[in-house]
């Protein structure tokens, strides 16, 4: 399960440009994260960048996916071998 943005989102627009996988977009009311594109920044950064920049902490860690699943998604999205 990828990260999710909660109803506390204030639509501040800071998370969307930080996502290296372009998994974040404007939803009907708040920003949303596409679970098929979210790697929790594995392969790109040490921590999810959306969480790092969110001023209201509306992107909590949920039920985390295994690192192997996230690395496989990274490889699929980027076409590059995942860093190990």
Protein backbone atom coordinates (compact mmCIF):
# COMPACT_ATOMS: atom_id res chain seq x y z
CA UNK A 1 0.00 0.00 0.00
CA UNK A 2 1.46 3.33 -1.01
CA UNK A 3 1.39 6.51 0.98
CA UNK A 4 -1.92 8.36 1.20
CA UNK A 5 -2.82 11.99 1.71
CA UNK A 6 -5.41 12.53 4.44
CA UNK A 7 -8.28 15.01 4.67
CA UNK A 8 -6.02 17.37 6.62
CA UNK A 9 -4.45 18.37 3.25
CA UNK A 10 -4.59 22.14 2.76
CA UNK A 11 -3.81 22.03 -0.98
CA UNK A 12 -0.60 23.97 -0.49
CA UNK A 13 0.94 22.49 -3.68
CA UNK A 14 4.34 21.68 -2.16
CA UNK A 15 4.20 17.88 -2.39
CA UNK A 16 3.40 17.45 -6.08
CA UNK A 17 6.65 18.81 -7.54
CA UNK A 18 8.73 16.87 -4.98
CA UNK A 19 7.53 13.44 -6.13
CA UNK A 20 10.18 11.85 -8.38
CA UNK A 21 7.61 9.43 -9.83
CA UNK A 22 4.89 12.01 -10.56
CA UNK A 23 2.56 9.97 -8.36
CA UNK A 24 0.90 13.01 -6.75
CA UNK A 25 -1.86 14.95 -8.48
CA UNK A 26 -4.76 17.22 -7.61
CA UNK A 27 -7.86 15.21 -6.81
CA UNK A 28 -11.42 16.48 -6.59
CA UNK A 29 -10.88 18.07 -3.18
CA UNK A 30 -7.32 17.35 -2.08
CA UNK A 31 -4.12 15.99 -3.56
CA UNK A 32 -3.98 12.23 -4.12
CA UNK A 33 -1.20 9.68 -4.55
CA UNK A 34 -1.38 7.08 -7.33
CA UNK A 35 -0.50 3.77 -5.62
CA UNK A 36 0.81 2.34 -8.90
CA UNK A 37 3.46 5.08 -9.08
CA UNK A 38 4.36 5.59 -5.41
CA UNK A 39 7.62 3.98 -4.33
CA UNK A 40 7.78 5.95 -1.06
CA UNK A 41 10.85 7.48 -2.79
CA UNK A 42 12.76 4.18 -2.52
CA UNK A 43 15.40 4.21 -5.23
CA UNK A 44 15.45 8.01 -5.31
CA UNK A 45 15.80 9.27 -1.71
CA UNK A 46 16.21 7.97 1.84
CA UNK A 47 12.77 9.25 2.91
CA UNK A 48 9.48 10.08 1.19
CA UNK A 49 9.92 13.62 -0.07
CA UNK A 50 6.21 14.46 0.14
CA UNK A 51 6.30 13.75 3.87
CA UNK A 52 9.42 15.85 4.28
CA UNK A 53 7.86 18.98 2.77
CA UNK A 54 4.26 18.68 4.00
CA UNK A 55 3.57 21.56 6.41
CA UNK A 56 0.57 19.86 8.05
CA UNK A 57 1.83 16.26 8.25
CA UNK A 58 -1.11 14.90 6.26
CA UNK A 59 0.89 12.04 4.71
CA UNK A 60 1.37 9.53 7.53
CA UNK A 61 3.24 6.28 7.17
CA UNK A 62 0.60 3.66 6.68
CA UNK A 63 0.86 -0.02 6.07
CA UNK A 64 4.28 -0.05 4.49
CA UNK A 65 5.13 -2.19 1.51
CA UNK A 66 8.29 -4.24 1.57
CA UNK A 67 11.45 -2.69 0.20
CA UNK A 68 11.53 -5.39 -2.46
CA UNK A 69 8.06 -4.43 -3.73
CA UNK A 70 8.99 -0.75 -3.79
CA UNK A 71 12.29 -1.45 -5.60
CA UNK A 72 10.48 -3.56 -8.20
CA UNK A 73 8.03 -0.69 -8.79
CA UNK A 74 10.96 1.74 -9.09
CA UNK A 75 12.55 -0.47 -11.76
CA UNK A 76 9.26 -0.76 -13.65
CA UNK A 77 8.65 3.00 -13.59
CA UNK A 78 12.17 4.16 -14.40
CA UNK A 79 13.49 1.32 -16.53
CA UNK A 80 16.67 1.47 -14.42
CA UNK A 81 18.08 -1.14 -12.05
CA UNK A 82 17.21 -0.26 -8.48
CA UNK A 83 20.03 0.70 -6.17
CA UNK A 84 20.63 -2.01 -3.59
